[in-house]
PDB file of N, CA and C in Angstrom:
ATOM      1  N   UNK A   1      14.087   6.506   7.652  1.00  0.00           N
ATOM      2  CA  UNK A   1      12.837   7.392   7.257  1.00  0.00           C
ATOM      3  C   UNK A   1      11.828   6.307   7.073  1.00  0.00           C
ATOM      4  N   UNK A   2      10.664   6.669   7.677  1.00  0.00           N
ATOM      5  CA  UNK A   2       9.572   5.874   7.373  1.00  0.00           C
ATOM      6  C   UNK A   2       8.695   6.872   6.125  1.00  0.00           C
ATOM      7  N   UNK A   3       7.884   5.757   5.752  1.00  0.00           N
ATOM      8  CA  UNK A   3       6.924   6.574   4.578  1.00  0.00           C
ATOM      9  C   UNK A   3       6.221   7.782   4.492  1.00  0.00           C
ATOM     10  N   UNK A   4       5.449   7.465   6.232  1.00  0.00           N
ATOM     11  CA  UNK A   4       4.768   8.782   6.158  1.00  0.00           C
ATOM     12  C   UNK A   4       5.633  10.152   6.183  1.00  0.00           C
ATOM     13  N   UNK A   5       6.537  10.123   6.205  1.00  0.00           N
ATOM     14  CA  UNK A   5       7.310  11.511   6.214  1.00  0.00           C
ATOM     15  C   UNK A   5       7.521  12.230   4.836  1.00  0.00           C
ATOM     16  N   UNK A   6       7.266  11.366   3.785  1.00  0.00           N
ATOM     17  CA  UNK A   6       7.461  11.677   2.279  1.00  0.00           C
ATOM     18  C   UNK A   6       6.127  11.586   1.613  1.00  0.00           C
ATOM     19  N   UNK A   7       5.120  10.901   2.170  1.00  0.00           N
ATOM     20  CA  UNK A   7       4.075  10.615   1.555  1.00  0.00           C
ATOM     21  C   UNK A   7       2.697  10.281   2.101  1.00  0.00           C
ATOM     22  N   UNK A   8       1.436  10.266   1.498  1.00  0.00           N
ATOM     23  CA  UNK A   8       0.247  10.198   2.510  1.00  0.00           C
ATOM     24  C   UNK A   8      -0.229   8.870   1.447  1.00  0.00           C
ATOM     25  N   UNK A   9      -1.726   8.156   2.256  1.00  0.00           N
ATOM     26  CA  UNK A   9      -2.023   7.115   1.547  1.00  0.00           C
ATOM     27  C   UNK A   9      -3.504   7.073   1.510  1.00  0.00           C
ATOM     28  N   UNK A  10      -4.278   6.426   0.490  1.00  0.00           N
ATOM     29  CA  UNK A  10      -5.691   6.423   0.397  1.00  0.00           C
ATOM     30  C   UNK A  10      -5.929   4.995   0.013  1.00  0.00           C
ATOM     31  N   UNK A  11      -6.899   4.396   0.764  1.00  0.00           N
ATOM     32  CA  UNK A  11      -7.302   3.011   0.509  1.00  0.00           C
ATOM     33  C   UNK A  11      -8.680   3.006  -0.018  1.00  0.00           C
ATOM     34  N   UNK A  12      -9.004   1.695  -0.445  1.00  0.00           N
ATOM     35  CA  UNK A  12     -10.120   1.227  -1.028  1.00  0.00           C
ATOM     36  C   UNK A  12     -10.265  -0.355  -1.031  1.00  0.00           C
ATOM     37  N   UNK A  13     -11.267  -0.832  -1.456  1.00  0.00           N
ATOM     38  CA  UNK A  13     -11.382  -2.234  -1.521  1.00  0.00           C
ATOM     39  C   UNK A  13     -12.582  -2.874  -2.412  1.00  0.00           C
ATOM     40  N   UNK A  14     -12.548  -3.933  -3.185  1.00  0.00           N
ATOM     41  CA  UNK A  14     -13.310  -4.713  -3.965  1.00  0.00           C
ATOM     42  C   UNK A  14     -13.527  -6.313  -3.151  1.00  0.00           C
ATOM     43  N   UNK A  15     -14.178  -6.476  -2.921  1.00  0.00           N
ATOM     44  CA  UNK A  15     -14.349  -7.986  -2.325  1.00  0.00           C
ATOM     45  C   UNK A  15     -13.029  -8.157  -1.107  1.00  0.00           C
ATOM     46  N   UNK A  16     -11.939  -9.203  -1.800  1.00  0.00           N
ATOM     47  CA  UNK A  16     -11.055  -9.524  -1.087  1.00  0.00           C
ATOM     48  C   UNK A  16      -9.631  -9.064  -1.520  1.00  0.00           C
ATOM     49  N   UNK A  17      -9.615  -7.798  -2.336  1.00  0.00           N
ATOM     50  CA  UNK A  17      -8.624  -7.004  -2.600  1.00  0.00           C
ATOM     51  C   UNK A  17      -8.603  -5.467  -1.792  1.00  0.00           C
ATOM     52  N   UNK A  18      -7.150  -5.172  -1.404  1.00  0.00           N
ATOM     53  CA  UNK A  18      -7.361  -3.900  -1.031  1.00  0.00           C
ATOM     54  C   UNK A  18      -6.643  -3.328  -1.961  1.00  0.00           C
ATOM     55  N   UNK A  19      -6.705  -2.227  -1.991  1.00  0.00           N
ATOM     56  CA  UNK A  19      -6.041  -0.951  -3.197  1.00  0.00           C
ATOM     57  C   UNK A  19      -5.601  -0.090  -2.467  1.00  0.00           C
ATOM     58  N   UNK A  20      -4.214   0.276  -2.168  1.00  0.00           N
ATOM     59  CA  UNK A  20      -3.542   1.206  -1.511  1.00  0.00           C
ATOM     60  C   UNK A  20      -2.661   2.246  -2.496  1.00  0.00           C
ATOM     61  N   UNK A  21      -3.332   3.443  -2.402  1.00  0.00           N
ATOM     62  CA  UNK A  21      -2.679   4.521  -2.781  1.00  0.00           C
ATOM     63  C   UNK A  21      -1.315   5.190  -2.276  1.00  0.00           C
ATOM     64  N   UNK A  22      -0.158   5.240  -2.710  1.00  0.00           N
ATOM     65  CA  UNK A  22       0.886   5.885  -2.061  1.00  0.00           C
ATOM     66  C   UNK A  22       1.106   7.271  -2.948  1.00  0.00           C
ATOM     67  N   UNK A  23       0.930   8.446  -2.380  1.00  0.00           N
ATOM     68  CA  UNK A  23       1.238   9.856  -2.902  1.00  0.00           C
ATOM     69  C   UNK A  23       2.262  10.614  -2.374  1.00  0.00           C
ATOM     70  N   UNK A  24       3.213  10.999  -3.211  1.00  0.00           N
ATOM     71  CA  UNK A  24       4.161  11.686  -2.634  1.00  0.00           C
ATOM     72  C   UNK A  24       3.882  13.274  -2.089  1.00  0.00           C
ATOM     73  N   UNK A  25       4.191  13.498  -0.967  1.00  0.00           N
ATOM     74  CA  UNK A  25       3.770  15.209  -1.010  1.00  0.00           C
ATOM     75  C   UNK A  25       4.496  16.189  -1.882  1.00  0.00           C
ATOM     76  N   UNK A  26       5.603  15.639  -2.284  1.00  0.00           N
ATOM     77  CA  UNK A  26       6.540  16.212  -3.003  1.00  0.00           C
ATOM     78  C   UNK A  26       6.794  15.573  -4.202  1.00  0.00           C
ATOM     79  N   UNK A  27       6.359  16.056  -5.672  1.00  0.00           N
ATOM     80  CA  UNK A  27       6.671  15.165  -6.755  1.00  0.00           C
ATOM     81  C   UNK A  27       7.984  14.698  -6.972  1.00  0.00           C
ATOM     82  N   UNK A  28       9.220  15.552  -6.698  1.00  0.00           N
ATOM     83  CA  UNK A  28      10.335  14.975  -6.696  1.00  0.00           C
ATOM     84  C   UNK A  28      10.868  14.008  -6.023  1.00  0.00           C
ATOM     85  N   UNK A  29      10.081  13.416  -4.986  1.00  0.00           N
ATOM     86  CA  UNK A  29      10.231  12.187  -4.329  1.00  0.00           C
ATOM     87  C   UNK A  29       9.732  10.809  -4.987  1.00  0.00           C
ATOM     88  N   UNK A  30       8.922  11.104  -6.072  1.00  0.00           N
ATOM     89  CA  UNK A  30       8.381  10.119  -6.645  1.00  0.00           C
ATOM     90  C   UNK A  30       9.201   9.118  -6.998  1.00  0.00           C
ATOM     91  N   UNK A  31      10.543   9.662  -7.889  1.00  0.00           N
ATOM     92  CA  UNK A  31      11.495   8.690  -8.376  1.00  0.00           C
ATOM     93  C   UNK A  31      11.894   7.430  -7.256  1.00  0.00           C
ATOM     94  N   UNK A  32      12.519   8.039  -6.182  1.00  0.00           N
ATOM     95  CA  UNK A  32      12.816   7.421  -5.071  1.00  0.00           C
ATOM     96  C   UNK A  32      11.740   6.315  -4.377  1.00  0.00           C
ATOM     97  N   UNK A  33      10.123   7.043  -4.550  1.00  0.00           N
ATOM     98  CA  UNK A  33       9.398   5.916  -4.043  1.00  0.00           C
ATOM     99  C   UNK A  33       9.193   4.769  -4.867  1.00  0.00           C
ATOM    100  N   UNK A  34       9.461   5.216  -6.255  1.00  0.00           N
ATOM    101  CA  UNK A  34       9.144   4.101  -7.346  1.00  0.00           C
ATOM    102  C   UNK A  34      10.366   3.187  -7.287  1.00  0.00           C
ATOM    103  N   UNK A  35      11.477   3.677  -6.815  1.00  0.00           N
ATOM    104  CA  UNK A  35      12.808   2.980  -6.883  1.00  0.00           C
ATOM    105  C   UNK A  35      12.756   1.700  -5.760  1.00  0.00           C
ATOM    106  N   UNK A  36      12.000   2.338  -4.463  1.00  0.00           N
ATOM    107  CA  UNK A  36      12.306   1.655  -3.213  1.00  0.00           C
ATOM    108  C   UNK A  36      10.891   0.749  -3.087  1.00  0.00           C
ATOM    109  N   UNK A  37       9.604   1.400  -3.349  1.00  0.00           N
ATOM    110  CA  UNK A  37       8.354   0.367  -3.171  1.00  0.00           C
ATOM    111  C   UNK A  37       7.956  -0.486  -4.220  1.00  0.00           C
ATOM    112  N   UNK A  38       9.082  -1.581  -3.944  1.00  0.00           N
ATOM    113  CA  UNK A  38       8.623  -2.632  -5.046  1.00  0.00           C
ATOM    114  C   UNK A  38       7.444  -3.367  -4.462  1.00  0.00           C
ATOM    115  N   UNK A  39       6.585  -4.215  -5.335  1.00  0.00           N
ATOM    116  CA  UNK A  39       5.682  -5.140  -4.909  1.00  0.00           C
ATOM    117  C   UNK A  39       6.217  -6.125  -3.967  1.00  0.00           C
ATOM    118  N   UNK A  40       7.398  -6.526  -4.208  1.00  0.00           N
ATOM    119  CA  UNK A  40       8.240  -7.741  -3.438  1.00  0.00           C
ATOM    120  C   UNK A  40       8.532  -7.180  -1.867  1.00  0.00           C
ATOM    121  N   UNK A  41       8.873  -5.695  -2.264  1.00  0.00           N
ATOM    122  CA  UNK A  41       9.099  -4.896  -0.743  1.00  0.00           C
ATOM    123  C   UNK A  41       7.725  -4.711   0.012  1.00  0.00           C
ATOM    124  N   UNK A  42       6.882  -4.277  -0.617  1.00  0.00           N
ATOM    125  CA  UNK A  42       5.674  -4.150  -0.158  1.00  0.00           C
ATOM    126  C   UNK A  42       5.001  -5.101   0.710  1.00  0.00           C
ATOM    127  N   UNK A  43       4.937  -6.262  -0.286  1.00  0.00           N
ATOM    128  CA  UNK A  43       4.432  -7.808   0.436  1.00  0.00           C
ATOM    129  C   UNK A  43       5.376  -8.089   1.589  1.00  0.00           C
ATOM    130  N   UNK A  44       6.597  -7.933   1.759  1.00  0.00           N
ATOM    131  CA  UNK A  44       7.373  -8.432   2.785  1.00  0.00           C
ATOM    132  C   UNK A  44       7.170  -7.401   4.028  1.00  0.00           C
ATOM    133  N   UNK A  45       6.754  -6.179   3.800  1.00  0.00           N
ATOM    134  CA  UNK A  45       6.559  -5.319   5.110  1.00  0.00           C
ATOM    135  C   UNK A  45       5.116  -5.494   5.544  1.00  0.00           C
ATOM    136  N   UNK A  46       4.243  -6.265   4.496  1.00  0.00           N
ATOM    137  CA  UNK A  46       2.838  -6.373   4.541  1.00  0.00           C
ATOM    138  C   UNK A  46       2.511  -7.890   5.386  1.00  0.00           C
ATOM    139  N   UNK A  47       3.620  -8.579   5.535  1.00  0.00           N
ATOM    140  CA  UNK A  47       3.391  -9.950   5.675  1.00  0.00           C
ATOM    141  C   UNK A  47       2.328 -10.208   6.765  1.00  0.00           C
ATOM    142  N   UNK A  48       1.805 -11.473   6.310  1.00  0.00           N
ATOM    143  CA  UNK A  48       0.428 -11.622   6.933  1.00  0.00           C
ATOM    144  C   UNK A  48      -0.951 -10.937   6.589  1.00  0.00           C
ATOM    145  N   UNK A  49      -0.624  -9.877   6.118  1.00  0.00           N
ATOM    146  CA  UNK A  49      -1.738  -9.307   5.206  1.00  0.00           C
ATOM    147  C   UNK A  49      -1.981  -9.308   3.824  1.00  0.00           C
ATOM    148  N   UNK A  50      -1.031  -9.065   3.095  1.00  0.00           N
ATOM    149  CA  UNK A  50      -0.794  -9.170   1.594  1.00  0.00           C
ATOM    150  C   UNK A  50      -0.484 -10.880   1.456  1.00  0.00           C
ATOM    151  N   UNK A  51      -1.903 -11.599   1.326  1.00  0.00           N
ATOM    152  CA  UNK A  51      -1.606 -12.994   1.495  1.00  0.00           C
ATOM    153  C   UNK A  51      -1.581 -13.516  -0.173  1.00  0.00           C
ATOM    154  N   UNK A  52      -2.065 -12.576  -0.912  1.00  0.00           N
ATOM    155  CA  UNK A  52      -1.648 -12.919  -2.585  1.00  0.00           C
ATOM    156  C   UNK A  52      -1.000 -12.043  -2.908  1.00  0.00           C
ATOM    157  N   UNK A  53      -1.032 -12.142  -4.310  1.00  0.00           N
ATOM    158  CA  UNK A  53      -0.080 -11.219  -5.337  1.00  0.00           C
ATOM    159  C   UNK A  53      -0.272  -9.483  -4.993  1.00  0.00           C
ATOM    160  N   UNK A  54       0.690  -9.108  -5.152  1.00  0.00           N
ATOM    161  CA  UNK A  54       0.749  -7.564  -4.852  1.00  0.00           C
ATOM    162  C   UNK A  54       1.326  -7.098  -6.406  1.00  0.00           C
ATOM    163  N   UNK A  55       0.332  -6.342  -7.203  1.00  0.00           N
ATOM    164  CA  UNK A  55       0.642  -5.443  -8.250  1.00  0.00           C
ATOM    165  C   UNK A  55       0.755  -4.144  -8.076  1.00  0.00           C
ATOM    166  N   UNK A  56       1.783  -3.284  -8.590  1.00  0.00           N
ATOM    167  CA  UNK A  56       1.893  -1.921  -8.688  1.00  0.00           C
ATOM    168  C   UNK A  56       1.779  -1.313  -9.896  1.00  0.00           C
ATOM    169  N   UNK A  57       1.176   0.006  -9.792  1.00  0.00           N
ATOM    170  CA  UNK A  57       0.875   0.844 -10.794  1.00  0.00           C
ATOM    171  C   UNK A  57       1.287   1.718 -10.593  1.00  0.00           C
ATOM    172  N   UNK A  58       1.973   2.701 -11.645  1.00  0.00           N
ATOM    173  CA  UNK A  58       2.665   4.083 -11.336  1.00  0.00           C
ATOM    174  C   UNK A  58       1.906   5.083 -12.005  1.00  0.00           C
ATOM    175  N   UNK A  59       1.540   6.232 -11.395  1.00  0.00           N
ATOM    176  CA  UNK A  59       1.094   7.349 -11.914  1.00  0.00           C
ATOM    177  C   UNK A  59       2.240   8.502 -11.607  1.00  0.00           C
ATOM    178  N   UNK A  60       2.918   8.746 -12.769  1.00  0.00           N
ATOM    179  CA  UNK A  60       4.060   9.499 -12.475  1.00  0.00           C
ATOM    180  C   UNK A  60       3.725  10.930 -12.498  1.00  0.00           C
ATOM    181  N   UNK A  61       2.436  11.302 -13.258  1.00  0.00           N
ATOM    182  CA  UNK A  61       1.939  12.743 -13.317  1.00  0.00           C
ATOM    183  C   UNK A  61       1.258  13.145 -11.992  1.00  0.00           C
ATOM    184  N   UNK A  62       1.052  12.458 -11.357  1.00  0.00           N
ATOM    185  CA  UNK A  62       0.385  12.519  -9.956  1.00  0.00           C
ATOM    186  C   UNK A  62       1.309  12.256  -8.719  1.00  0.00           C
ATOM    187  N   UNK A  63       2.620  11.758  -9.132  1.00  0.00           N
ATOM    188  CA  UNK A  63       3.350  11.519  -8.102  1.00  0.00           C
ATOM    189  C   UNK A  63       3.063  10.168  -7.296  1.00  0.00           C
ATOM    190  N   UNK A  64       2.450   9.251  -7.879  1.00  0.00           N
ATOM    191  CA  UNK A  64       1.910   8.464  -7.086  1.00  0.00           C
ATOM    192  C   UNK A  64       1.950   6.781  -7.620  1.00  0.00           C
ATOM    193  N   UNK A  65       1.698   5.778  -6.612  1.00  0.00           N
ATOM    194  CA  UNK A  65       2.016   4.728  -6.959  1.00  0.00           C
ATOM    195  C   UNK A  65       0.693   3.995  -6.292  1.00  0.00           C
ATOM    196  N   UNK A  66      -0.055   3.028  -6.894  1.00  0.00           N
ATOM    197  CA  UNK A  66      -1.226   2.295  -6.585  1.00  0.00           C
ATOM    198  C   UNK A  66      -0.679   0.642  -6.594  1.00  0.00           C
ATOM    199  N   UNK A  67      -0.993   0.318  -5.164  1.00  0.00           N
ATOM    200  CA  UNK A  67      -0.469  -1.331  -4.903  1.00  0.00           C
ATOM    201  C   UNK A  67      -2.046  -1.834  -4.821  1.00  0.00           C
ATOM    202  N   UNK A  68      -2.042  -2.822  -5.341  1.00  0.00           N
ATOM    203  CA  UNK A  68      -3.425  -3.703  -5.319  1.00  0.00           C
ATOM    204  C   UNK A  68      -2.954  -5.195  -4.860  1.00  0.00           C
ATOM    205  N   UNK A  69      -3.606  -5.225  -3.533  1.00  0.00           N
ATOM    206  CA  UNK A  69      -3.129  -6.482  -2.818  1.00  0.00           C
ATOM    207  C   UNK A  69      -4.192  -7.689  -3.007  1.00  0.00           C
ATOM    208  N   UNK A  70      -3.995  -8.806  -3.401  1.00  0.00           N
ATOM    209  CA  UNK A  70      -4.998  -9.628  -3.427  1.00  0.00           C
ATOM    210  C   UNK A  70      -5.064 -10.440  -2.387  1.00  0.00           C
ATOM    211  N   UNK A  71      -6.060 -11.024  -1.747  1.00  0.00           N
ATOM    212  CA  UNK A  71      -6.477 -11.972  -0.699  1.00  0.00           C
ATOM    213  C   UNK A  71      -5.935 -11.256   0.607  1.00  0.00           C
ATOM    214  N   UNK A  72      -6.104  -9.960   0.813  1.00  0.00           N
ATOM    215  CA  UNK A  72      -5.919  -9.122   1.622  1.00  0.00           C
ATOM    216  C   UNK A  72      -7.031  -8.869   2.672  1.00  0.00           C
ATOM    217  N   UNK A  73      -8.078  -9.324   2.305  1.00  0.00           N
ATOM    218  CA  UNK A  73      -9.312  -8.877   3.386  1.00  0.00           C
ATOM    219  C   UNK A  73      -9.963  -9.571   3.979  1.00  0.00           C
ATOM    220  N   UNK A  74      -9.523 -10.982   4.272  1.00  0.00           N
ATOM    221  CA  UNK A  74      -9.995 -12.166   4.927  1.00  0.00           C
ATOM    222  C   UNK A  74     -11.425 -12.522   4.579  1.00  0.00           C
ATOM    223  N   UNK A  75     -11.437 -12.657   3.071  1.00  0.00           N
ATOM    224  CA  UNK A  75     -12.421 -12.989   2.353  1.00  0.00           C
ATOM    225  C   UNK A  75     -13.537 -11.712   1.749  1.00  0.00           C
ATOM    226  N   UNK A  76     -13.170 -10.547   2.352  1.00  0.00           N
ATOM    227  CA  UNK A  76     -14.090  -9.422   1.533  1.00  0.00           C
ATOM    228  C   UNK A  76     -14.832  -8.999   2.788  1.00  0.00           C
ATOM    229  N   UNK A  77     -15.606  -7.947   2.521  1.00  0.00           N
ATOM    230  CA  UNK A  77     -16.334  -7.269   3.663  1.00  0.00           C
ATOM    231  C   UNK A  77     -17.483  -7.974   3.959  1.00  0.00           C
ATOM    232  N   UNK A  78     -18.276  -8.954   3.161  1.00  0.00           N
ATOM    233  CA  UNK A  78     -19.554  -9.576   3.837  1.00  0.00           C
ATOM    234  C   UNK A  78     -19.025 -10.818   4.362  1.00  0.00           C
ATOM    235  N   UNK A  79     -17.690 -11.492   4.316  1.00  0.00           N
ATOM    236  CA  UNK A  79     -17.428 -12.721   4.914  1.00  0.00           C
ATOM    237  C   UNK A  79     -16.259 -12.398   5.761  1.00  0.00           C
ATOM    238  N   UNK A  80     -15.466 -11.409   5.896  1.00  0.00           N
ATOM    239  CA  UNK A  80     -14.579 -11.333   7.208  1.00  0.00           C
ATOM    240  C   UNK A  80     -15.164 -10.882   8.203  1.00  0.00           C
ATOM    241  N   UNK A  81     -14.375 -11.386   9.605  1.00  0.00           N
ATOM    242  CA  UNK A  81     -14.674 -11.231  10.790  1.00  0.00           C
ATOM    243  C   UNK A  81     -13.704 -10.085  11.157  1.00  0.00           C
ATOM    244  N   UNK A  82     -13.294  -9.700  10.510  1.00  0.00           N
ATOM    245  CA  UNK A  82     -11.824  -8.335  10.946  1.00  0.00           C
ATOM    246  C   UNK A  82     -12.747  -7.101  11.177  1.00  0.00           C
ATOM    247  N   UNK A  83     -12.084  -6.385  12.522  1.00  0.00           N
ATOM    248  CA  UNK A  83     -12.865  -5.165  12.916  1.00  0.00           C
ATOM    249  C   UNK A  83     -12.787  -4.105  11.662  1.00  0.00           C
ATOM    250  N   UNK A  84     -11.602  -4.425  10.963  1.00  0.00           N
ATOM    251  CA  UNK A  84     -11.481  -3.292   9.804  1.00  0.00           C
ATOM    252  C   UNK A  84     -11.755  -4.201   8.389  1.00  0.00           C
ATOM    253  N   UNK A  85     -12.821  -4.656   7.864  1.00  0.00           N
ATOM    254  CA  UNK A  85     -12.949  -5.265   7.017  1.00  0.00           C
ATOM    255  C   UNK A  85     -12.761  -4.430   5.663  1.00  0.00           C
ATOM    256  N   UNK A  86     -12.848  -3.540   5.716  1.00  0.00           N
ATOM    257  CA  UNK A  86     -12.572  -2.622   4.487  1.00  0.00           C
ATOM    258  C   UNK A  86     -11.255  -2.229   4.089  1.00  0.00           C
ATOM    259  N   UNK A  87     -10.401  -2.678   5.125  1.00  0.00           N
ATOM    260  CA  UNK A  87      -8.819  -2.483   5.101  1.00  0.00           C
ATOM    261  C   UNK A  87      -8.478  -0.935   5.057  1.00  0.00           C
ATOM    262  N   UNK A  88      -9.038  -0.049   5.820  1.00  0.00           N
ATOM    263  CA  UNK A  88      -9.037   1.597   5.832  1.00  0.00           C
ATOM    264  C   UNK A  88      -7.717   1.579   6.573  1.00  0.00           C
ATOM    265  N   UNK A  89      -7.333   0.544   7.540  1.00  0.00           N
ATOM    266  CA  UNK A  89      -6.135   0.954   8.355  1.00  0.00           C
ATOM    267  C   UNK A  89      -4.759   0.358   7.778  1.00  0.00           C
ATOM    268  N   UNK A  90      -4.914  -0.008   6.392  1.00  0.00           N
ATOM    269  CA  UNK A  90      -3.971  -0.617   6.018  1.00  0.00           C
ATOM    270  C   UNK A  90      -3.080   0.762   5.379  1.00  0.00           C
ATOM    271  N   UNK A  91      -3.752   1.841   5.171  1.00  0.00           N
ATOM    272  CA  UNK A  91      -2.977   2.974   4.793  1.00  0.00           C
ATOM    273  C   UNK A  91      -2.092   3.428   5.730  1.00  0.00           C
ATOM    274  N   UNK A  92      -2.256   3.191   7.063  1.00  0.00           N
ATOM    275  CA  UNK A  92      -1.429   3.471   8.388  1.00  0.00           C
ATOM    276  C   UNK A  92      -0.364   2.319   8.292  1.00  0.00           C
ATOM    277  N   UNK A  93      -0.863   1.135   7.919  1.00  0.00           N
ATOM    278  CA  UNK A  93       0.311   0.133   8.004  1.00  0.00           C
ATOM    279  C   UNK A  93       1.419   0.447   6.822  1.00  0.00           C
ATOM    280  N   UNK A  94       0.860   0.725   5.780  1.00  0.00           N
ATOM    281  CA  UNK A  94       2.025   1.283   4.492  1.00  0.00           C
ATOM    282  C   UNK A  94       2.806   2.459   5.275  1.00  0.00           C
ATOM    283  N   UNK A  95       2.285   3.134   5.673  1.00  0.00           N
ATOM    284  CA  UNK A  95       2.699   4.561   5.930  1.00  0.00           C
ATOM    285  C   UNK A  95       3.869   4.268   6.975  1.00  0.00           C
ATOM    286  N   UNK A  96       3.840   2.940   7.963  1.00  0.00           N
ATOM    287  CA  UNK A  96       5.013   3.042   8.772  1.00  0.00           C
ATOM    288  C   UNK A  96       6.312   2.213   8.111  1.00  0.00           C
ATOM    289  N   UNK A  97       5.858   1.658   6.994  1.00  0.00           N
ATOM    290  CA  UNK A  97       7.240   1.079   6.074  1.00  0.00           C
ATOM    291  C   UNK A  97       8.352   1.837   6.450  1.00  0.00           C
ATOM    292  N   UNK A  98       9.529   1.354   6.841  1.00  0.00           N
ATOM    293  CA  UNK A  98      10.872   1.843   6.611  1.00  0.00           C
ATOM    294  C   UNK A  98      11.083   2.103   5.193  1.00  0.00           C
ATOM    295  N   UNK A  99      11.671   3.142   4.723  1.00  0.00           N
ATOM    296  CA  UNK A  99      12.184   3.205   3.724  1.00  0.00           C
ATOM    297  C   UNK A  99      13.645   2.745   3.449  1.00  0.00           C
ATOM    298  N   UNK A 100      14.020   1.503   2.817  1.00  0.00           N
ATOM    299  CA  UNK A 100      15.341   1.037   2.686  1.00  0.00           C
ATOM    300  C   UNK A 100      16.566   1.960   2.311  1.00  0.00           C
ATOM    301  N   UNK A 101      17.594   2.166   3.141  1.00  0.00           N
ATOM    302  CA  UNK A 101      18.993   2.868   2.773  1.00  0.00           C
ATOM    303  C   UNK A 101      18.364   4.382   2.707  1.00  0.00           C
ATOM    304  N   UNK A 102      17.376   4.407   3.678  1.00  0.00           N
ATOM    305  CA  UNK A 102      17.112   5.874   3.772  1.00  0.00           C
ATOM    306  C   UNK A 102      17.231   6.226   5.454  1.00  0.00           C
TER     307      UNK A 102
END
Protein backbone atom coordinates (compact mmCIF):
# COMPACT_ATOMS: atom_id res chain seq x y z
CA UNK A 1 0.00 0.00 0.00
CA UNK A 2 1.28 3.45 -0.85
CA UNK A 3 0.90 6.38 1.53
CA UNK A 4 -1.45 8.25 -0.84
CA UNK A 5 -4.10 5.59 -0.21
CA UNK A 6 -4.52 6.64 3.43
CA UNK A 7 -3.18 10.21 3.65
CA UNK A 8 -2.60 13.49 1.89
CA UNK A 9 0.27 15.98 2.23
CA UNK A 10 1.02 19.68 2.35
CA UNK A 11 4.46 21.25 1.94
CA UNK A 12 6.20 24.44 2.85
CA UNK A 13 9.72 25.83 2.88
CA UNK A 14 12.01 28.12 4.82
CA UNK A 15 15.44 28.60 3.34
CA UNK A 16 16.97 25.18 2.69
CA UNK A 17 14.39 23.37 4.85
CA UNK A 18 11.33 21.56 3.51
CA UNK A 19 8.35 20.99 5.76
CA UNK A 20 6.01 18.14 4.77
CA UNK A 21 2.81 17.40 6.67
CA UNK A 22 1.22 13.96 6.28
CA UNK A 23 -2.46 13.98 7.23
CA UNK A 24 -4.48 10.79 7.54
CA UNK A 25 -7.81 10.74 5.71
CA UNK A 26 -9.18 8.76 8.68
CA UNK A 27 -7.86 9.47 12.20
CA UNK A 28 -7.98 5.72 12.90
CA UNK A 29 -4.96 5.37 10.58
CA UNK A 30 -2.85 7.84 12.54
CA UNK A 31 -1.31 5.20 14.83
CA UNK A 32 -0.19 3.17 11.81
CA UNK A 33 1.32 6.26 10.20
CA UNK A 34 3.15 7.11 13.42
CA UNK A 35 4.51 3.55 13.70
CA UNK A 36 5.68 3.22 10.12
CA UNK A 37 6.76 6.70 9.06
CA UNK A 38 9.82 7.13 11.22
CA UNK A 39 12.31 9.89 10.44
CA UNK A 40 14.85 7.23 9.42
CA UNK A 41 12.39 5.56 7.02
CA UNK A 42 11.38 8.88 5.44
CA UNK A 43 15.05 9.82 5.00
CA UNK A 44 15.69 6.42 3.38
CA UNK A 45 12.73 6.82 1.01
CA UNK A 46 13.76 10.36 0.07
CA UNK A 47 17.47 9.61 -0.40
CA UNK A 48 19.09 12.31 -2.51
CA UNK A 49 16.43 14.80 -1.41
CA UNK A 50 16.62 14.72 2.40
CA UNK A 51 20.34 15.48 2.61
CA UNK A 52 20.33 16.53 6.26
CA UNK A 53 18.51 15.61 9.44
CA UNK A 54 14.84 14.60 9.30
CA UNK A 55 12.74 15.60 12.30
CA UNK A 56 9.18 14.45 12.98
CA UNK A 57 6.49 16.15 15.03
CA UNK A 58 3.23 14.41 15.93
CA UNK A 59 -0.17 16.09 15.93
CA UNK A 60 -2.47 13.23 16.98
CA UNK A 61 -5.52 15.47 17.45
CA UNK A 62 -5.25 16.32 13.74
CA UNK A 63 -4.23 12.83 12.65
CA UNK A 64 -1.06 14.36 11.25
CA UNK A 65 2.71 14.06 11.24
CA UNK A 66 4.95 16.97 10.32
CA UNK A 67 8.37 16.21 8.86
CA UNK A 68 11.13 18.79 8.71
CA UNK A 69 13.78 17.94 6.11
CA UNK A 70 16.99 19.90 6.56
CA UNK A 71 19.25 20.59 3.57
CA UNK A 72 16.56 19.46 1.15
CA UNK A 73 16.13 22.37 -1.25
CA UNK A 74 19.49 22.83 -2.94
CA UNK A 75 20.40 25.85 -0.85
CA UNK A 76 16.96 27.45 -0.72
CA UNK A 77 14.72 29.34 -3.11
CA UNK A 78 17.10 32.20 -3.85
CA UNK A 79 20.14 29.92 -4.33
CA UNK A 80 18.78 26.75 -5.92
CA UNK A 81 18.80 26.05 -9.64
CA UNK A 82 16.08 23.42 -9.17
CA UNK A 83 12.84 23.80 -11.12
CA UNK A 84 10.93 23.23 -7.85
CA UNK A 85 12.97 25.39 -5.49
CA UNK A 86 10.08 25.59 -3.02
CA UNK A 87 9.86 21.79 -2.82
CA UNK A 88 6.12 21.63 -3.59
CA UNK A 89 6.63 18.38 -5.53
CA UNK A 90 8.01 16.74 -2.39
CA UNK A 91 4.43 16.07 -1.27
CA UNK A 92 4.00 13.85 -4.33
CA UNK A 93 7.29 12.10 -3.60
CA UNK A 94 6.20 11.49 -0.01
CA UNK A 95 2.80 10.14 -1.08
CA UNK A 96 4.50 7.48 -3.23
CA UNK A 97 6.23 5.97 -0.19
CA UNK A 98 5.48 2.27 0.15
CA UNK A 99 4.09 1.55 3.62
CA UNK A 100 6.28 -1.30 4.94
CA UNK A 101 4.45 -4.43 5.98
CA UNK A 102 1.18 -3.35 4.36
